[in-house]
N, C-alpha and C. Protein backbone atom coordinates (compact mmCIF):
# COMPACT_ATOMS: atom_id res chain seq x y z
N MET A 1 0.83 -1.18 0.00
CA MET A 1 0.00 0.00 0.00
C MET A 1 0.88 1.25 0.00
N THR A 2 0.38 2.26 -0.64
CA THR A 2 1.11 3.51 -0.63
C THR A 2 0.84 4.24 0.67
N LYS A 3 1.63 5.26 0.90
CA LYS A 3 1.50 6.04 2.13
C LYS A 3 0.11 6.67 2.22
N GLU A 4 -0.38 7.20 1.11
CA GLU A 4 -1.69 7.85 1.11
C GLU A 4 -2.81 6.86 1.40
N THR A 5 -2.69 5.66 0.88
CA THR A 5 -3.70 4.63 1.11
C THR A 5 -3.72 4.24 2.59
N LYS A 6 -2.56 4.13 3.20
CA LYS A 6 -2.49 3.80 4.62
C LYS A 6 -3.12 4.89 5.47
N ILE A 7 -2.89 6.13 5.09
CA ILE A 7 -3.47 7.24 5.84
C ILE A 7 -4.99 7.22 5.74
N VAL A 8 -5.50 7.04 4.55
CA VAL A 8 -6.95 6.99 4.34
C VAL A 8 -7.55 5.81 5.11
N ALA A 9 -6.90 4.65 5.05
CA ALA A 9 -7.40 3.47 5.76
C ALA A 9 -7.41 3.72 7.27
N GLY A 10 -6.38 4.37 7.77
CA GLY A 10 -6.31 4.69 9.20
C GLY A 10 -7.40 5.65 9.62
N ILE A 11 -7.66 6.64 8.80
CA ILE A 11 -8.72 7.61 9.10
C ILE A 11 -10.08 6.92 9.11
N LEU A 12 -10.33 6.08 8.11
CA LEU A 12 -11.61 5.37 8.05
C LEU A 12 -11.77 4.40 9.23
N ALA A 13 -10.71 3.71 9.59
CA ALA A 13 -10.78 2.79 10.72
C ALA A 13 -11.04 3.56 12.02
N GLY A 14 -10.37 4.69 12.18
CA GLY A 14 -10.60 5.51 13.37
C GLY A 14 -12.01 6.05 13.44
N ALA A 15 -12.54 6.46 12.30
CA ALA A 15 -13.91 6.97 12.26
C ALA A 15 -14.90 5.86 12.60
N ALA A 16 -14.68 4.66 12.08
CA ALA A 16 -15.57 3.54 12.37
C ALA A 16 -15.51 3.18 13.85
N LEU A 17 -14.33 3.16 14.41
CA LEU A 17 -14.19 2.84 15.84
C LEU A 17 -14.85 3.92 16.69
N GLY A 18 -14.65 5.17 16.32
CA GLY A 18 -15.28 6.27 17.05
C GLY A 18 -16.80 6.20 16.99
N ALA A 19 -17.34 5.86 15.83
CA ALA A 19 -18.79 5.72 15.69
C ALA A 19 -19.31 4.58 16.55
N ALA A 20 -18.58 3.47 16.58
CA ALA A 20 -19.01 2.33 17.40
C ALA A 20 -18.99 2.68 18.88
N VAL A 21 -17.96 3.36 19.31
CA VAL A 21 -17.86 3.76 20.72
C VAL A 21 -18.98 4.75 21.06
N ALA A 22 -19.23 5.71 20.19
CA ALA A 22 -20.31 6.68 20.43
C ALA A 22 -21.66 5.98 20.50
N LEU A 23 -21.88 5.01 19.64
CA LEU A 23 -23.14 4.27 19.64
C LEU A 23 -23.31 3.52 20.95
N VAL A 24 -22.25 2.90 21.42
CA VAL A 24 -22.33 2.13 22.65
C VAL A 24 -22.56 3.06 23.85
N LEU A 25 -21.85 4.17 23.89
CA LEU A 25 -21.97 5.07 25.03
C LEU A 25 -23.30 5.81 25.06
N SER A 26 -23.87 6.09 23.92
CA SER A 26 -25.10 6.87 23.88
C SER A 26 -26.35 6.01 23.92
N SER A 27 -26.21 4.73 23.76
CA SER A 27 -27.37 3.83 23.68
C SER A 27 -27.75 3.35 25.08
N ASP A 28 -28.86 3.89 25.61
CA ASP A 28 -29.33 3.45 26.93
C ASP A 28 -30.23 2.23 26.81
N LYS A 29 -30.89 2.05 25.69
CA LYS A 29 -31.86 0.98 25.54
C LYS A 29 -31.21 -0.35 25.20
N SER A 30 -30.07 -0.30 24.57
CA SER A 30 -29.49 -1.52 24.02
C SER A 30 -28.36 -2.05 24.88
N ASP A 31 -28.71 -2.66 26.00
CA ASP A 31 -27.68 -3.28 26.85
C ASP A 31 -27.06 -4.48 26.15
N ASP A 32 -27.83 -5.13 25.30
CA ASP A 32 -27.32 -6.29 24.56
C ASP A 32 -26.17 -5.87 23.65
N LEU A 33 -26.32 -4.74 22.97
CA LEU A 33 -25.26 -4.23 22.09
C LEU A 33 -24.02 -3.90 22.91
N LYS A 34 -24.22 -3.28 24.04
CA LYS A 34 -23.09 -2.95 24.91
C LYS A 34 -22.36 -4.21 25.35
N ASP A 35 -23.12 -5.23 25.71
CA ASP A 35 -22.51 -6.49 26.14
C ASP A 35 -21.73 -7.14 25.01
N LYS A 36 -22.29 -7.13 23.81
CA LYS A 36 -21.60 -7.73 22.67
C LYS A 36 -20.30 -7.00 22.36
N VAL A 37 -20.33 -5.67 22.36
CA VAL A 37 -19.13 -4.90 22.06
C VAL A 37 -18.10 -5.08 23.17
N THR A 38 -18.57 -5.08 24.41
CA THR A 38 -17.65 -5.29 25.53
C THR A 38 -16.97 -6.65 25.43
N ASP A 39 -17.77 -7.68 25.14
CA ASP A 39 -17.21 -9.03 24.98
C ASP A 39 -16.20 -9.07 23.83
N TRP A 40 -16.53 -8.38 22.73
CA TRP A 40 -15.63 -8.37 21.57
C TRP A 40 -14.30 -7.72 21.93
N PHE A 41 -14.36 -6.57 22.65
CA PHE A 41 -13.12 -5.90 23.04
C PHE A 41 -12.31 -6.75 24.01
N CYS A 42 -12.99 -7.42 24.93
CA CYS A 42 -12.28 -8.29 25.88
C CYS A 42 -11.62 -9.46 25.15
N ASP A 43 -12.34 -10.06 24.20
CA ASP A 43 -11.75 -11.14 23.41
C ASP A 43 -10.56 -10.66 22.61
N LEU A 44 -10.68 -9.46 22.04
CA LEU A 44 -9.57 -8.89 21.28
C LEU A 44 -8.36 -8.64 22.17
N LEU A 45 -8.61 -8.12 23.36
CA LEU A 45 -7.52 -7.87 24.30
C LEU A 45 -6.85 -9.17 24.73
N ASP A 46 -7.65 -10.19 25.02
CA ASP A 46 -7.09 -11.49 25.40
C ASP A 46 -6.27 -12.10 24.28
N ALA A 47 -6.77 -12.02 23.06
CA ALA A 47 -6.04 -12.56 21.92
C ALA A 47 -4.72 -11.80 21.72
N SER A 48 -4.75 -10.49 21.93
CA SER A 48 -3.53 -9.69 21.78
C SER A 48 -2.51 -10.06 22.85
N LYS A 49 -2.98 -10.28 24.07
CA LYS A 49 -2.07 -10.68 25.14
C LYS A 49 -1.45 -12.04 24.84
N ASP A 50 -2.27 -12.97 24.35
CA ASP A 50 -1.75 -14.30 24.01
C ASP A 50 -0.70 -14.22 22.90
N LYS A 51 -0.99 -13.44 21.89
CA LYS A 51 -0.06 -13.30 20.77
C LYS A 51 1.25 -12.67 21.24
N LEU A 52 1.14 -11.63 22.07
CA LEU A 52 2.34 -10.96 22.59
C LEU A 52 3.16 -11.92 23.44
N SER A 53 2.49 -12.75 24.21
CA SER A 53 3.19 -13.73 25.03
C SER A 53 3.93 -14.74 24.15
N ASP A 54 3.28 -15.18 23.07
CA ASP A 54 3.93 -16.12 22.15
C ASP A 54 5.16 -15.48 21.50
N VAL A 55 5.03 -14.24 21.08
CA VAL A 55 6.14 -13.54 20.43
C VAL A 55 7.28 -13.35 21.43
N ALA A 56 6.94 -12.99 22.66
CA ALA A 56 7.98 -12.81 23.68
C ALA A 56 8.71 -14.13 23.95
N GLY A 57 7.97 -15.22 23.98
CA GLY A 57 8.60 -16.53 24.16
C GLY A 57 9.53 -16.88 23.02
N ASN A 58 9.12 -16.59 21.80
CA ASN A 58 9.97 -16.86 20.63
C ASN A 58 11.24 -16.02 20.67
N VAL A 59 11.11 -14.76 21.08
CA VAL A 59 12.28 -13.89 21.16
C VAL A 59 13.24 -14.42 22.23
N LYS A 60 12.72 -14.83 23.38
CA LYS A 60 13.58 -15.37 24.43
C LYS A 60 14.29 -16.62 23.98
N ASP A 61 13.57 -17.49 23.26
CA ASP A 61 14.19 -18.72 22.74
C ASP A 61 15.29 -18.40 21.74
N THR A 62 15.04 -17.46 20.87
CA THR A 62 16.03 -17.07 19.86
C THR A 62 17.26 -16.48 20.52
N ILE A 63 17.07 -15.63 21.51
CA ILE A 63 18.20 -15.04 22.24
C ILE A 63 19.00 -16.13 22.94
N ALA A 64 18.33 -17.09 23.53
CA ALA A 64 19.03 -18.19 24.22
C ALA A 64 19.85 -19.00 23.23
N LYS A 65 19.31 -19.23 22.02
CA LYS A 65 20.06 -19.98 21.00
C LYS A 65 21.27 -19.22 20.53
N VAL A 66 21.14 -17.91 20.39
CA VAL A 66 22.26 -17.09 19.92
C VAL A 66 23.37 -17.06 20.97
N ARG A 67 23.01 -16.97 22.21
CA ARG A 67 24.00 -16.93 23.29
C ARG A 67 24.69 -18.27 23.49
N ALA A 68 24.04 -19.36 23.13
CA ALA A 68 24.60 -20.70 23.38
C ALA A 68 25.72 -21.03 22.44
């Protein structure tokens, strides 16, 4: 992707995320929507933590091999 395409994609992603957060925060009637979005963010956070842990383990293993 070109630099301009990345910028446009970032702006659109930010706008979509902002709209979703505004919808969740302003919606008093839809507790179900809030629960779904909350669960999605928690799942995303857990998946990110797991991935980061895997990457950290791989880096530690690689460093140990280099030092050996």
